[in-house]
Amino acid sequence: PDVSVSAIRLLGQDGHTATIGHVCDANGTVPVTGMTIVRDAA
């Protein structure tokens, strides 16, 4: 209701990673600097 998130974390074929994206709320847009994920057994 108060924020939207658009972000992506990538691993290149050469082994380097990149994280890009933004969080947008009523005060403006702030860049994403990092992401981590937790997955289930599948």
All heavy atoms as atom14 arrays in JSON, in Angstrom:
{
  "sequence": "PDVSVSAIRLLGQDGHTATIGHVCDANGTVPVTGMTIVRDAA",
  "atom14_mask": [
    [1, 1, 1, 1, 1, 1, 1, 0, 0, 0, 0, 0, 0, 0],
    [1, 1, 1, 1, 1, 1, 1, 1, 0, 0, 0, 0, 0, 0],
    [1, 1, 1, 1, 1, 1, 1, 0, 0, 0, 0, 0, 0, 0],
    [1, 1, 1, 1, 1, 1, 0, 0, 0, 0, 0, 0, 0, 0],
    [1, 1, 1, 1, 1, 1, 1, 0, 0, 0, 0, 0, 0, 0],
    [1, 1, 1, 1, 1, 1, 0, 0, 0, 0, 0, 0, 0, 0],
    [1, 1, 1, 1, 1, 0, 0, 0, 0, 0, 0, 0, 0, 0],
    [1, 1, 1, 1, 1, 1, 1, 1, 0, 0, 0, 0, 0, 0],
    [1, 1, 1, 1, 1, 1, 1, 1, 1, 1, 1, 0, 0, 0],
    [1, 1, 1, 1, 1, 1, 1, 1, 0, 0, 0, 0, 0, 0],
    [1, 1, 1, 1, 1, 1, 1, 1, 0, 0, 0, 0, 0, 0],
    [1, 1, 1, 1, 0, 0, 0, 0, 0, 0, 0, 0, 0, 0],
    [1, 1, 1, 1, 1, 1, 1, 1, 1, 0, 0, 0, 0, 0],
    [1, 1, 1, 1, 1, 1, 1, 1, 0, 0, 0, 0, 0, 0],
    [1, 1, 1, 1, 0, 0, 0, 0, 0, 0, 0, 0, 0, 0],
    [1, 1, 1, 1, 1, 1, 1, 1, 1, 1, 0, 0, 0, 0],
    [1, 1, 1, 1, 1, 1, 1, 0, 0, 0, 0, 0, 0, 0],
    [1, 1, 1, 1, 1, 0, 0, 0, 0, 0, 0, 0, 0, 0],
    [1, 1, 1, 1, 1, 1, 1, 0, 0, 0, 0, 0, 0, 0],
    [1, 1, 1, 1, 1, 1, 1, 1, 0, 0, 0, 0, 0, 0],
    [1, 1, 1, 1, 0, 0, 0, 0, 0, 0, 0, 0, 0, 0],
    [1, 1, 1, 1, 1, 1, 1, 1, 1, 1, 0, 0, 0, 0],
    [1, 1, 1, 1, 1, 1, 1, 0, 0, 0, 0, 0, 0, 0],
    [1, 1, 1, 1, 1, 1, 0, 0, 0, 0, 0, 0, 0, 0],
    [1, 1, 1, 1, 1, 1, 1, 1, 0, 0, 0, 0, 0, 0],
    [1, 1, 1, 1, 1, 0, 0, 0, 0, 0, 0, 0, 0, 0],
    [1, 1, 1, 1, 1, 1, 1, 1, 0, 0, 0, 0, 0, 0],
    [1, 1, 1, 1, 0, 0, 0, 0, 0, 0, 0, 0, 0, 0],
    [1, 1, 1, 1, 1, 1, 1, 0, 0, 0, 0, 0, 0, 0],
    [1, 1, 1, 1, 1, 1, 1, 0, 0, 0, 0, 0, 0, 0],
    [1, 1, 1, 1, 1, 1, 1, 0, 0, 0, 0, 0, 0, 0],
    [1, 1, 1, 1, 1, 1, 1, 0, 0, 0, 0, 0, 0, 0],
    [1, 1, 1, 1, 1, 1, 1, 0, 0, 0, 0, 0, 0, 0],
    [1, 1, 1, 1, 0, 0, 0, 0, 0, 0, 0, 0, 0, 0],
    [1, 1, 1, 1, 1, 1, 1, 1, 0, 0, 0, 0, 0, 0],
    [1, 1, 1, 1, 1, 1, 1, 0, 0, 0, 0, 0, 0, 0],
    [1, 1, 1, 1, 1, 1, 1, 1, 0, 0, 0, 0, 0, 0],
    [1, 1, 1, 1, 1, 1, 1, 0, 0, 0, 0, 0, 0, 0],
    [1, 1, 1, 1, 1, 1, 1, 1, 1, 1, 1, 0, 0, 0],
    [1, 1, 1, 1, 1, 1, 1, 1, 0, 0, 0, 0, 0, 0],
    [1, 1, 1, 1, 1, 0, 0, 0, 0, 0, 0, 0, 0, 0],
    [1, 1, 1, 1, 1, 0, 0, 0, 0, 0, 0, 0, 0, 0]
  ],
  "atom14_positions": [
    [[0.8, -1.23, 0.0], [0.0, 0.0, 0.0], [0.83, 1.28, 0.0], [0.4, 2.3, -0.55], [-0.83, -0.11, 1.28], [-0.9, -1.56, 1.57], [0.4, -2.14, 1.09], [0.0, 0.0, 0.0], [0.0, 0.0, 0.0], [0.0, 0.0, 0.0], [0.0, 0.0, 0.0], [0.0, 0.0, 0.0], [0.0, 0.0, 0.0], [0.0, 0.0, 0.0]],
    [[2.02, 1.25, 0.58], [2.82, 2.46, 0.74], [4.16, 2.44, 0.01], [4.91, 3.41, 0.06], [3.08, 2.71, 2.22], [3.81, 1.56, 2.89], [3.82, 0.43, 2.35], [4.38, 1.77, 3.97], [0.0, 0.0, 0.0], [0.0, 0.0, 0.0], [0.0, 0.0, 0.0], [0.0, 0.0, 0.0], [0.0, 0.0, 0.0], [0.0, 0.0, 0.0]],
    [[4.47, 1.36, -0.68], [5.79, 1.24, -1.32], [5.73, 0.19, -2.43], [4.93, -0.75, -2.37], [6.86, 0.85, -0.27], [6.65, -0.54, 0.26], [8.26, 1.01, -0.8], [0.0, 0.0, 0.0], [0.0, 0.0, 0.0], [0.0, 0.0, 0.0], [0.0, 0.0, 0.0], [0.0, 0.0, 0.0], [0.0, 0.0, 0.0], [0.0, 0.0, 0.0]],
    [[6.57, 0.4, -3.46], [6.75, -0.64, -4.47], [8.24, -0.95, -4.57], [9.08, -0.09, -4.29], [6.18, -0.22, -5.82], [6.87, 0.89, -6.34], [0.0, 0.0, 0.0], [0.0, 0.0, 0.0], [0.0, 0.0, 0.0], [0.0, 0.0, 0.0], [0.0, 0.0, 0.0], [0.0, 0.0, 0.0], [0.0, 0.0, 0.0], [0.0, 0.0, 0.0]],
    [[8.54, -2.18, -4.96], [9.92, -2.64, -5.03], [10.13, -3.29, -6.4], [9.32, -4.1, -6.84], [10.22, -3.69, -3.94], [11.65, -4.18, -4.04], [9.9, -3.16, -2.56], [0.0, 0.0, 0.0], [0.0, 0.0, 0.0], [0.0, 0.0, 0.0], [0.0, 0.0, 0.0], [0.0, 0.0, 0.0], [0.0, 0.0, 0.0], [0.0, 0.0, 0.0]],
    [[11.21, -2.92, -7.04], [11.61, -3.55, -8.28], [13.13, -3.74, -8.19], [13.88, -2.77, -8.18], [11.26, -2.66, -9.48], [11.71, -3.25, -10.66], [0.0, 0.0, 0.0], [0.0, 0.0, 0.0], [0.0, 0.0, 0.0], [0.0, 0.0, 0.0], [0.0, 0.0, 0.0], [0.0, 0.0, 0.0], [0.0, 0.0, 0.0], [0.0, 0.0, 0.0]],
    [[13.57, -5.0, -8.07], [14.99, -5.27, -7.86], [15.35, -6.61, -8.46], [14.52, -7.51, -8.55], [15.32, -5.25, -6.37], [0.0, 0.0, 0.0], [0.0, 0.0, 0.0], [0.0, 0.0, 0.0], [0.0, 0.0, 0.0], [0.0, 0.0, 0.0], [0.0, 0.0, 0.0], [0.0, 0.0, 0.0], [0.0, 0.0, 0.0], [0.0, 0.0, 0.0]],
    [[16.63, -6.75, -8.86], [17.1, -7.99, -9.44], [18.55, -8.21, -9.03], [19.33, -7.26, -8.93], [16.94, -7.97, -10.98], [17.22, -9.34, -11.59], [17.79, -6.88, -11.61], [16.78, -9.47, -13.05], [0.0, 0.0, 0.0], [0.0, 0.0, 0.0], [0.0, 0.0, 0.0], [0.0, 0.0, 0.0], [0.0, 0.0, 0.0], [0.0, 0.0, 0.0]],
    [[18.88, -9.46, -8.76], [20.25, -9.86, -8.46], [20.66, -10.91, -9.48], [19.92, -11.88, -9.72], [20.35, -10.43, -7.05], [21.79, -10.75, -6.68], [21.96, -11.03, -5.22], [23.37, -11.27, -4.94], [23.81, -12.04, -3.99], [22.96, -12.63, -3.16], [25.1, -12.22, -3.82], [0.0, 0.0, 0.0], [0.0, 0.0, 0.0], [0.0, 0.0, 0.0]],
    [[21.83, -10.72, -10.09], [22.28, -11.57, -11.18], [23.67, -12.12, -10.91], [24.49, -11.45, -10.3], [22.35, -10.76, -12.48], [21.06, -10.11, -12.9], [21.2, -8.62, -12.83], [20.7, -10.56, -14.29], [0.0, 0.0, 0.0], [0.0, 0.0, 0.0], [0.0, 0.0, 0.0], [0.0, 0.0, 0.0], [0.0, 0.0, 0.0], [0.0, 0.0, 0.0]],
    [[23.91, -13.33, -11.42], [25.22, -13.94, -11.42], [25.6, -14.14, -12.88], [24.91, -14.84, -13.63], [25.2, -15.29, -10.7], [26.45, -16.15, -10.77], [27.65, -15.44, -10.14], [26.2, -17.5, -10.1], [0.0, 0.0, 0.0], [0.0, 0.0, 0.0], [0.0, 0.0, 0.0], [0.0, 0.0, 0.0], [0.0, 0.0, 0.0], [0.0, 0.0, 0.0]],
    [[26.67, -13.47, -13.31], [27.12, -13.58, -14.7], [27.83, -14.88, -14.96], [28.31, -15.55, -14.03], [0.0, 0.0, 0.0], [0.0, 0.0, 0.0], [0.0, 0.0, 0.0], [0.0, 0.0, 0.0], [0.0, 0.0, 0.0], [0.0, 0.0, 0.0], [0.0, 0.0, 0.0], [0.0, 0.0, 0.0], [0.0, 0.0, 0.0], [0.0, 0.0, 0.0]],
    [[27.94, -15.25, -16.23], [28.65, -16.47, -16.6], [30.12, -16.41, -16.17], [30.75, -17.43, -15.95], [28.56, -16.72, -18.11], [27.18, -17.11, -18.58], [26.73, -18.49, -18.11], [27.43, -19.2, -17.4], [25.52, -18.86, -18.49], [0.0, 0.0, 0.0], [0.0, 0.0, 0.0], [0.0, 0.0, 0.0], [0.0, 0.0, 0.0], [0.0, 0.0, 0.0]],
    [[30.65, -15.19, -15.99], [32.04, -15.05, -15.57], [32.2, -15.05, -14.04], [33.29, -14.89, -13.52], [32.66, -13.79, -16.15], [32.0, -12.52, -15.63], [31.03, -12.6, -14.84], [32.46, -11.43, -16.03], [0.0, 0.0, 0.0], [0.0, 0.0, 0.0], [0.0, 0.0, 0.0], [0.0, 0.0, 0.0], [0.0, 0.0, 0.0], [0.0, 0.0, 0.0]],
    [[31.09, -15.22, -13.3], [31.15, -15.34, -11.85], [30.9, -14.07, -11.07], [30.78, -14.11, -9.85], [0.0, 0.0, 0.0], [0.0, 0.0, 0.0], [0.0, 0.0, 0.0], [0.0, 0.0, 0.0], [0.0, 0.0, 0.0], [0.0, 0.0, 0.0], [0.0, 0.0, 0.0], [0.0, 0.0, 0.0], [0.0, 0.0, 0.0], [0.0, 0.0, 0.0]],
    [[30.79, -12.92, -11.72], [30.53, -11.7, -10.95], [29.03, -11.5, -10.76], [28.22, -12.0, -11.54], [31.21, -10.47, -11.57], [30.45, -9.84, -12.69], [30.51, -10.29, -13.98], [29.62, -8.77, -12.69], [29.75, -9.54, -14.75], [29.19, -8.6, -13.99], [0.0, 0.0, 0.0], [0.0, 0.0, 0.0], [0.0, 0.0, 0.0], [0.0, 0.0, 0.0]],
    [[28.67, -10.8, -9.69], [27.27, -10.54, -9.39], [26.96, -9.06, -9.53], [27.85, -8.21, -9.44], [26.89, -10.98, -7.95], [27.65, -10.22, -7.02], [27.13, -12.46, -7.75], [0.0, 0.0, 0.0], [0.0, 0.0, 0.0], [0.0, 0.0, 0.0], [0.0, 0.0, 0.0], [0.0, 0.0, 0.0], [0.0, 0.0, 0.0], [0.0, 0.0, 0.0]],
    [[25.69, -8.78, -9.77], [25.21, -7.41, -9.85], [23.83, -7.36, -9.21], [23.04, -8.29, -9.37], [25.13, -6.95, -11.3], [0.0, 0.0, 0.0], [0.0, 0.0, 0.0], [0.0, 0.0, 0.0], [0.0, 0.0, 0.0], [0.0, 0.0, 0.0], [0.0, 0.0, 0.0], [0.0, 0.0, 0.0], [0.0, 0.0, 0.0], [0.0, 0.0, 0.0]],
    [[23.55, -6.31, -8.46], [22.23, -6.07, -7.89], [21.8, -4.68, -8.3], [22.54, -3.72, -8.09], [22.26, -6.16, -6.35], [22.75, -7.46, -5.97], [20.87, -5.97, -5.76], [0.0, 0.0, 0.0], [0.0, 0.0, 0.0], [0.0, 0.0, 0.0], [0.0, 0.0, 0.0], [0.0, 0.0, 0.0], [0.0, 0.0, 0.0], [0.0, 0.0, 0.0]],
    [[20.64, -4.59, -8.94], [20.1, -3.29, -9.31], [18.63, -3.24, -8.92], [17.99, -4.27, -8.75], [20.25, -3.0, -10.83], [19.49, -4.03, -11.66], [21.7, -2.93, -11.23], [19.38, -3.67, -13.12], [0.0, 0.0, 0.0], [0.0, 0.0, 0.0], [0.0, 0.0, 0.0], [0.0, 0.0, 0.0], [0.0, 0.0, 0.0], [0.0, 0.0, 0.0]],
    [[18.12, -2.05, -8.77], [16.71, -1.89, -8.49], [16.45, -0.66, -7.66], [17.38, 0.07, -7.28], [0.0, 0.0, 0.0], [0.0, 0.0, 0.0], [0.0, 0.0, 0.0], [0.0, 0.0, 0.0], [0.0, 0.0, 0.0], [0.0, 0.0, 0.0], [0.0, 0.0, 0.0], [0.0, 0.0, 0.0], [0.0, 0.0, 0.0], [0.0, 0.0, 0.0]],
    [[15.18, -0.44, -7.37], [14.75, 0.73, -6.62], [13.56, 0.39, -5.74], [12.78, -0.51, -6.05], [14.36, 1.87, -7.56], [15.53, 2.5, -8.23], [16.12, 1.96, -9.34], [16.24, 3.61, -7.91], [17.14, 2.72, -9.7], [17.24, 3.72, -8.86], [0.0, 0.0, 0.0], [0.0, 0.0, 0.0], [0.0, 0.0, 0.0], [0.0, 0.0, 0.0]],
    [[13.44, 1.12, -4.65], [12.27, 1.09, -3.79], [11.63, 2.47, -3.93], [12.3, 3.49, -3.82], [12.66, 0.81, -2.32], [11.44, 0.89, -1.42], [13.34, -0.55, -2.2], [0.0, 0.0, 0.0], [0.0, 0.0, 0.0], [0.0, 0.0, 0.0], [0.0, 0.0, 0.0], [0.0, 0.0, 0.0], [0.0, 0.0, 0.0], [0.0, 0.0, 0.0]],
    [[10.34, 2.5, -4.19], [9.63, 3.75, -4.44], [8.54, 3.92, -3.37], [7.75, 3.0, -3.13], [9.01, 3.7, -5.83], [8.07, 5.15, -6.3], [0.0, 0.0, 0.0], [0.0, 0.0, 0.0], [0.0, 0.0, 0.0], [0.0, 0.0, 0.0], [0.0, 0.0, 0.0], [0.0, 0.0, 0.0], [0.0, 0.0, 0.0], [0.0, 0.0, 0.0]],
    [[8.53, 5.08, -2.72], [7.46, 5.4, -1.79], [7.07, 6.86, -1.98], [7.53, 7.52, -2.91], [7.84, 5.08, -0.34], [8.98, 5.91, 0.2], [9.3, 6.98, -0.37], [9.57, 5.49, 1.21], [0.0, 0.0, 0.0], [0.0, 0.0, 0.0], [0.0, 0.0, 0.0], [0.0, 0.0, 0.0], [0.0, 0.0, 0.0], [0.0, 0.0, 0.0]],
    [[6.22, 7.4, -1.11], [5.73, 8.76, -1.25], [6.84, 9.8, -1.19], [6.68, 10.93, -1.67], [4.67, 9.05, -0.18], [0.0, 0.0, 0.0], [0.0, 0.0, 0.0], [0.0, 0.0, 0.0], [0.0, 0.0, 0.0], [0.0, 0.0, 0.0], [0.0, 0.0, 0.0], [0.0, 0.0, 0.0], [0.0, 0.0, 0.0], [0.0, 0.0, 0.0]],
    [[8.0, 9.44, -0.61], [9.12, 10.37, -0.51], [10.06, 10.33, -1.7], [11.0, 11.12, -1.78], [9.92, 10.09, 0.77], [9.08, 10.31, 2.0], [8.35, 11.3, 2.09], [9.15, 9.39, 2.93], [0.0, 0.0, 0.0], [0.0, 0.0, 0.0], [0.0, 0.0, 0.0], [0.0, 0.0, 0.0], [0.0, 0.0, 0.0], [0.0, 0.0, 0.0]],
    [[9.87, 9.37, -2.59], [10.74, 9.28, -3.76], [11.26, 7.87, -3.98], [10.7, 6.9, -3.48], [0.0, 0.0, 0.0], [0.0, 0.0, 0.0], [0.0, 0.0, 0.0], [0.0, 0.0, 0.0], [0.0, 0.0, 0.0], [0.0, 0.0, 0.0], [0.0, 0.0, 0.0], [0.0, 0.0, 0.0], [0.0, 0.0, 0.0], [0.0, 0.0, 0.0]],
    [[12.35, 7.79, -4.73], [12.93, 6.52, -5.14], [14.33, 6.37, -4.56], [15.13, 7.29, -4.63], [13.0, 6.45, -6.68], [11.67, 6.63, -7.18], [13.52, 5.13, -7.15], [0.0, 0.0, 0.0], [0.0, 0.0, 0.0], [0.0, 0.0, 0.0], [0.0, 0.0, 0.0], [0.0, 0.0, 0.0], [0.0, 0.0, 0.0], [0.0, 0.0, 0.0]],
    [[14.6, 5.19, -3.98], [15.9, 4.91, -3.36], [16.48, 3.66, -4.01], [15.8, 2.65, -4.14], [15.73, 4.68, -1.83], [17.05, 4.28, -1.2], [15.15, 5.9, -1.16], [0.0, 0.0, 0.0], [0.0, 0.0, 0.0], [0.0, 0.0, 0.0], [0.0, 0.0, 0.0], [0.0, 0.0, 0.0], [0.0, 0.0, 0.0], [0.0, 0.0, 0.0]],
    [[17.76, 3.69, -4.42], [18.38, 2.51, -5.04], [18.52, 1.34, -4.06], [18.74, 1.53, -2.86], [19.77, 3.01, -5.44], [19.67, 4.5, -5.48], [18.64, 4.86, -4.45], [0.0, 0.0, 0.0], [0.0, 0.0, 0.0], [0.0, 0.0, 0.0], [0.0, 0.0, 0.0], [0.0, 0.0, 0.0], [0.0, 0.0, 0.0], [0.0, 0.0, 0.0]],
    [[18.4, 0.15, -4.6], [18.66, -1.09, -3.86], [20.15, -1.34, -3.92], [20.77, -1.23, -4.98], [17.87, -2.26, -4.48], [18.31, -3.59, -3.89], [16.37, -2.06, -4.29], [0.0, 0.0, 0.0], [0.0, 0.0, 0.0], [0.0, 0.0, 0.0], [0.0, 0.0, 0.0], [0.0, 0.0, 0.0], [0.0, 0.0, 0.0], [0.0, 0.0, 0.0]],
    [[20.75, -1.69, -2.78], [22.2, -1.94, -2.73], [22.54, -3.42, -2.53], [23.7, -3.8, -2.69], [22.85, -1.13, -1.61], [22.24, -1.48, -0.37], [22.68, 0.37, -1.87], [0.0, 0.0, 0.0], [0.0, 0.0, 0.0], [0.0, 0.0, 0.0], [0.0, 0.0, 0.0], [0.0, 0.0, 0.0], [0.0, 0.0, 0.0], [0.0, 0.0, 0.0]],
    [[21.56, -4.25, -2.17], [21.83, -5.66, -1.97], [20.55, -6.44, -1.76], [19.52, -5.88, -1.38], [0.0, 0.0, 0.0], [0.0, 0.0, 0.0], [0.0, 0.0, 0.0], [0.0, 0.0, 0.0], [0.0, 0.0, 0.0], [0.0, 0.0, 0.0], [0.0, 0.0, 0.0], [0.0, 0.0, 0.0], [0.0, 0.0, 0.0], [0.0, 0.0, 0.0]],
    [[20.61, -7.75, -2.03], [19.47, -8.65, -1.84], [19.99, -10.01, -1.4], [21.05, -10.43, -1.84], [18.7, -8.87, -3.15], [18.05, -7.67, -3.74], [17.28, -8.05, -5.35], [15.89, -9.06, -4.86], [0.0, 0.0, 0.0], [0.0, 0.0, 0.0], [0.0, 0.0, 0.0], [0.0, 0.0, 0.0], [0.0, 0.0, 0.0], [0.0, 0.0, 0.0]],
    [[19.2, -10.68, -0.58], [19.43, -12.09, -0.27], [18.09, -12.8, -0.36], [17.04, -12.19, -0.22], [20.02, -12.29, 1.14], [19.11, -11.73, 2.1], [21.38, -11.62, 1.27], [0.0, 0.0, 0.0], [0.0, 0.0, 0.0], [0.0, 0.0, 0.0], [0.0, 0.0, 0.0], [0.0, 0.0, 0.0], [0.0, 0.0, 0.0], [0.0, 0.0, 0.0]],
    [[18.12, -14.1, -0.59], [16.9, -14.88, -0.74], [16.99, -16.15, 0.09], [18.06, -16.74, 0.23], [16.63, -15.22, -2.23], [15.24, -15.83, -2.41], [17.72, -16.09, -2.8], [14.8, -15.94, -3.87], [0.0, 0.0, 0.0], [0.0, 0.0, 0.0], [0.0, 0.0, 0.0], [0.0, 0.0, 0.0], [0.0, 0.0, 0.0], [0.0, 0.0, 0.0]],
    [[15.86, -16.57, 0.63], [15.71, -17.86, 1.31], [14.69, -18.64, 0.5], [13.62, -18.13, 0.16], [15.23, -17.7, 2.77], [14.97, -19.05, 3.41], [16.25, -16.89, 3.57], [0.0, 0.0, 0.0], [0.0, 0.0, 0.0], [0.0, 0.0, 0.0], [0.0, 0.0, 0.0], [0.0, 0.0, 0.0], [0.0, 0.0, 0.0], [0.0, 0.0, 0.0]],
    [[15.03, -19.89, 0.17], [14.16, -20.75, -0.64], [13.73, -21.96, 0.16], [14.4, -22.36, 1.12], [14.89, -21.2, -1.89], [15.3, -20.07, -2.82], [16.09, -20.63, -4.01], [16.42, -19.61, -4.97], [17.6, -19.02, -5.06], [18.57, -19.33, -4.23], [17.81, -18.1, -5.97], [0.0, 0.0, 0.0], [0.0, 0.0, 0.0], [0.0, 0.0, 0.0]],
    [[12.64, -22.6, -0.26], [12.2, -23.84, 0.36], [12.94, -25.02, -0.28], [13.82, -24.82, -1.13], [10.68, -24.0, 0.3], [10.14, -24.17, -1.12], [10.93, -24.42, -2.06], [8.91, -24.07, -1.28], [0.0, 0.0, 0.0], [0.0, 0.0, 0.0], [0.0, 0.0, 0.0], [0.0, 0.0, 0.0], [0.0, 0.0, 0.0], [0.0, 0.0, 0.0]],
    [[12.58, -26.23, 0.12], [13.29, -27.43, -0.36], [13.15, -27.63, -1.87], [13.97, -28.32, -2.48], [12.8, -28.66, 0.39], [0.0, 0.0, 0.0], [0.0, 0.0, 0.0], [0.0, 0.0, 0.0], [0.0, 0.0, 0.0], [0.0, 0.0, 0.0], [0.0, 0.0, 0.0], [0.0, 0.0, 0.0], [0.0, 0.0, 0.0], [0.0, 0.0, 0.0]],
    [[12.13, -27.03, -2.5], [11.95, -27.13, -3.94], [12.63, -25.97, -4.68], [12.56, -25.9, -5.9], [10.46, -27.16, -4.28], [0.0, 0.0, 0.0], [0.0, 0.0, 0.0], [0.0, 0.0, 0.0], [0.0, 0.0, 0.0], [0.0, 0.0, 0.0], [0.0, 0.0, 0.0], [0.0, 0.0, 0.0], [0.0, 0.0, 0.0], [0.0, 0.0, 0.0]]
  ]
}
